[in-house]
Protein backbone atom coordinates (compact mmCIF):
# COMPACT_ATOMS: atom_id res chain seq x y z
CA MET A 1 -146.74 -50.59 41.21
CA THR A 2 -143.28 -49.83 40.58
CA ARG A 3 -141.09 -52.38 39.35
CA LYS A 4 -138.77 -51.50 42.74
CA LYS A 5 -142.26 -52.60 44.87
CA LYS A 6 -142.34 -55.54 42.56
CA ARG A 7 -138.74 -56.79 43.31
CA ILE A 8 -139.25 -56.43 46.83
CA ARG A 9 -142.41 -58.71 46.87
CA LEU A 10 -140.67 -61.51 44.57
CA ALA A 11 -137.43 -61.52 47.13
CA ALA A 12 -140.00 -61.57 49.95
CA ALA A 13 -141.97 -64.35 48.63
CA ALA A 14 -138.71 -66.62 47.69
CA VAL A 15 -137.21 -66.06 51.23
CA CYS A 16 -140.91 -67.29 52.88
CA LEU A 17 -140.35 -70.17 50.05
CA VAL A 18 -137.17 -70.95 51.58
CA ILE A 19 -138.15 -70.50 55.36
CA LEU A 20 -141.04 -72.98 54.12
CA ALA A 21 -139.11 -75.78 52.69
CA VAL A 22 -136.81 -75.62 55.83
CA ILE A 23 -139.42 -76.10 58.41
CA TYR A 24 -140.63 -79.23 56.37
CA VAL A 25 -137.35 -80.90 56.22
CA PHE A 26 -137.26 -80.49 59.86
CA VAL A 27 -140.37 -81.99 60.46
CA LEU A 28 -139.79 -84.78 58.40
CA GLN A 29 -136.71 -85.11 60.20
CA ALA A 30 -138.52 -85.43 63.64
CA ASP A 31 -141.03 -87.73 62.40
CA PHE A 32 -138.58 -90.04 61.25
CA ASN A 33 -136.69 -90.28 64.58
CA ALA A 34 -139.42 -90.24 66.63
CA GLU A 35 -140.72 -93.87 64.52
CA ASP A 36 -137.16 -95.02 64.71
CA THR A 37 -137.38 -93.86 68.66
CA THR A 38 -140.75 -95.81 69.01
CA LYS A 39 -139.11 -99.00 67.32
CA GLU A 40 -136.41 -99.43 69.56
CA GLU A 41 -138.54 -98.80 72.84
CA ASN A 42 -141.09 -101.15 71.54
CA GLU A 43 -138.03 -104.07 71.16
CA ILE A 44 -136.97 -106.10 74.36
CA ALA A 45 -133.78 -107.60 74.69
CA VAL A 46 -134.75 -110.69 76.65
CA LEU A 47 -131.42 -112.93 75.92
CA THR A 48 -128.13 -112.42 73.98
CA VAL A 49 -126.35 -115.66 72.74
CA GLU A 50 -123.51 -114.69 70.42
CA ARG A 51 -123.08 -118.06 67.91
CA GLU A 52 -119.36 -118.03 68.22
CA ASN A 53 -119.29 -119.11 72.14
CA ILE A 54 -121.81 -122.04 71.42
CA ARG A 55 -120.47 -125.32 72.16
CA SER A 56 -123.51 -127.32 71.69
CA ALA A 57 -126.80 -126.90 71.11
CA LEU A 58 -130.41 -129.07 71.88
CA ILE A 59 -133.70 -128.43 70.16
CA GLU A 60 -136.75 -130.32 70.98
CA ASN A 61 -139.86 -129.69 69.08
CA SER A 62 -142.81 -131.77 67.57
CA GLN A 63 -140.05 -133.55 64.96
CA GLY A 64 -138.05 -134.48 67.60
CA THR A 65 -135.12 -133.93 69.19
CA LEU A 66 -132.16 -132.38 67.62
CA ARG A 67 -128.43 -132.46 69.09
CA PHE A 68 -125.42 -130.19 67.81
CA THR A 69 -121.78 -129.65 68.27
CA TYR A 70 -119.92 -126.76 67.47
CA ASP A 71 -116.00 -125.81 67.50
CA GLY A 72 -116.75 -121.73 66.55
CA GLU A 73 -116.21 -122.68 62.95
CA THR A 74 -118.49 -126.04 61.43
CA TRP A 75 -121.77 -127.39 62.85
CA THR A 76 -121.81 -131.31 63.42
CA ASN A 77 -124.70 -133.28 64.32
CA GLU A 78 -123.93 -134.75 67.42
CA GLU A 79 -125.59 -138.31 67.01
CA GLU A 80 -124.49 -138.68 63.57
CA PRO A 81 -121.08 -136.58 63.11
CA ALA A 82 -120.72 -137.88 59.58
CA PHE A 83 -124.06 -136.85 58.53
CA GLU A 84 -123.21 -133.34 56.68
CA LEU A 85 -125.09 -129.86 57.66
CA ASN A 86 -125.66 -126.83 55.75
CA GLN A 87 -122.86 -124.37 57.98
CA ASP A 88 -125.27 -121.07 57.09
CA SER A 89 -128.25 -122.54 57.58
CA VAL A 90 -127.75 -123.77 61.20
CA SER A 91 -125.45 -120.43 61.90
CA ALA A 92 -128.46 -118.52 60.73
CA LEU A 93 -130.97 -120.35 63.05
CA PHE A 94 -129.21 -119.91 66.05
CA ASN A 95 -127.92 -116.31 65.14
CA ARG A 96 -131.84 -115.69 66.06
CA LEU A 97 -131.14 -115.93 69.55
CA ASN A 98 -128.16 -113.03 68.95
CA PRO A 99 -130.15 -111.34 70.35
CA LEU A 100 -133.64 -112.68 71.04
CA ASN A 101 -135.99 -109.95 71.16
CA ALA A 102 -139.53 -109.10 72.69
CA VAL A 103 -142.31 -106.97 72.05
CA ARG A 104 -144.45 -107.20 75.26
CA ASP A 105 -143.12 -108.22 79.03
CA LEU A 106 -146.04 -109.74 80.43
CA GLY A 107 -144.39 -110.28 83.82
CA ALA A 108 -144.48 -113.38 85.80
CA GLN A 109 -147.61 -115.59 85.50
CA GLU A 110 -148.94 -118.53 87.29
CA GLU A 111 -150.60 -120.10 84.88
CA LEU A 112 -148.28 -121.16 82.38
CA ALA A 113 -150.77 -123.47 80.52
CA ASP A 114 -152.50 -120.45 79.52
CA TYR A 115 -149.72 -119.45 76.95
CA GLY A 116 -148.62 -123.14 76.46
CA LEU A 117 -145.56 -122.73 78.31
CA GLU A 118 -146.30 -125.39 81.06
CA GLU A 119 -145.08 -128.02 78.24
CA PRO A 120 -143.68 -125.70 75.56
CA SER A 121 -144.00 -126.55 71.93
CA ILE A 122 -140.33 -126.00 71.46
CA THR A 123 -137.36 -125.90 73.91
CA ILE A 124 -133.82 -124.52 73.05
CA THR A 125 -130.95 -125.37 75.00
CA VAL A 126 -127.60 -124.13 74.32
CA THR A 127 -124.31 -124.34 76.13
CA LEU A 128 -121.42 -121.93 75.95
CA GLU A 129 -117.64 -122.17 75.74
CA ASP A 130 -117.56 -121.45 79.82
CA GLY A 131 -120.34 -123.52 80.59
CA GLN A 132 -122.77 -121.42 80.82
CA GLU A 133 -126.59 -123.21 79.60
CA PHE A 134 -129.60 -121.09 78.63
CA SER A 135 -132.74 -122.41 77.48
CA VAL A 136 -135.63 -120.40 75.35
CA TYR A 137 -139.27 -122.16 75.70
CA LEU A 138 -141.49 -121.39 72.95
CA GLY A 139 -145.31 -121.83 73.99
CA LYS A 140 -148.84 -120.85 72.03
CA GLU A 141 -149.64 -117.98 69.42
CA ALA A 142 -151.03 -114.94 71.11
CA SER A 143 -154.20 -113.84 69.66
CA ASP A 144 -152.20 -110.50 68.11
CA GLY A 145 -150.70 -113.21 65.84
CA SER A 146 -147.21 -112.85 68.24
CA LEU A 147 -145.32 -115.85 70.31
CA TYR A 148 -145.33 -116.44 73.69
CA PHE A 149 -142.22 -117.52 75.06
CA MET A 150 -139.87 -117.62 77.89
CA THR A 151 -136.31 -118.22 79.15
CA SER A 152 -134.31 -120.00 81.83
CA GLU A 153 -133.38 -116.81 82.94
CA SER A 154 -136.39 -115.50 83.97
CA ASP A 155 -140.07 -116.09 85.44
CA HIS A 156 -141.37 -113.14 82.58
CA ILE A 157 -143.16 -114.63 79.64
CA TYR A 158 -142.84 -112.37 76.84
CA THR A 159 -144.52 -112.35 73.22
CA GLY A 160 -142.06 -111.93 70.17
CA ASP A 161 -142.03 -112.60 66.30
CA SER A 162 -143.83 -115.97 65.72
CA TYR A 163 -141.41 -116.97 62.93
CA LEU A 164 -139.53 -118.08 65.81
CA ALA A 165 -141.52 -121.33 65.91
CA THR A 166 -141.51 -121.59 62.41
CA ALA A 167 -137.63 -121.84 62.23
CA PHE A 168 -136.90 -123.96 65.16
CA ASP A 169 -139.63 -126.91 64.23
CA CYS A 170 -137.47 -128.26 61.92
CA THR A 171 -135.66 -131.16 61.42
CA MET A 172 -131.86 -132.39 60.67
CA THR A 173 -132.87 -133.26 57.01
CA ASP A 174 -134.14 -129.38 56.65
CA LEU A 175 -130.41 -128.57 57.48
CA GLU A 176 -128.41 -130.88 55.24
CA ALA A 177 -126.14 -129.52 52.76
CA GLU A 178 -127.13 -129.68 49.56
CA GLU A 179 -125.09 -131.98 46.98
CA GLU A 180 -123.67 -130.26 44.15
CA GLU A 181 -125.00 -130.72 41.00
CA GLU A 182 -122.72 -131.14 38.46
CA THR A 183 -122.84 -128.08 35.96
CA GLU A 184 -123.75 -128.30 32.43
CA GLU A 185 -120.48 -127.58 31.06
CA GLU A 186 -119.32 -130.64 33.15
CA THR A 187 -121.69 -132.69 31.38
CA THR A 188 -121.02 -131.33 28.28
CA ASP A 189 -116.94 -131.78 28.39
CA ASN A 190 -117.79 -135.05 29.68
CA GLY A 191 -119.66 -136.26 26.95
CA GLU A 192 -117.64 -135.10 24.37
CA SER A 193 -114.46 -136.59 26.15
CA ALA A 194 -116.57 -140.06 25.73
CA GLU A 195 -117.07 -139.52 22.09
CA GLU A 196 -113.82 -138.74 21.18
CA ASP A 197 -112.62 -141.67 23.24
CA GLY A 198 -115.35 -143.33 21.57
CA GLU A 199 -113.75 -142.67 18.17
CA GLN A 200 -110.44 -143.24 19.16
CA THR A 201 -111.35 -146.63 19.66
CA SER A 202 -113.15 -147.32 16.42
CA ASP A 203 -110.03 -146.14 14.67
CA GLN A 204 -107.97 -148.71 16.09
């Protein structure tokens, strides 16, 4: 085999490798897009409640009834206004309704008791700035580990993330603001100041 033929074969092999690499990249990209599309199709936007528009909220769960008011910036315990709430925790809680997504839409069902929705385990009600009111009713866990739920806007039953029930089965204490602990540096400074005061008193 001449050198010229070898060079031609090497060049052809290199071109083939480049073509195969390009095809591989396109296949990977197609699979990635397909996965994204499937995920989007599986998510059903059932309800959207923007937190900034909420003015009052009520949660009825196994722990009791929690009532909140909101002015667009600060959450307040309606029954105990002096009770300090962790603003980030309460906001994160109600952000779960923006949007409220479902995995499956089971349509309208006659026997709500079969889904734990005749007497919901948790009811979440929010009133918006314009006076609109929405409720979300959480039922029991489905066989696949998801959660049955409904809203006041439809007679359809949906399945969604079971963590929704875990999050809203809370108490005011769970949402209480934590007291800021005195830092070690402040403690040291205070201790040194006390020692200095003691020394000054002794000198006198």
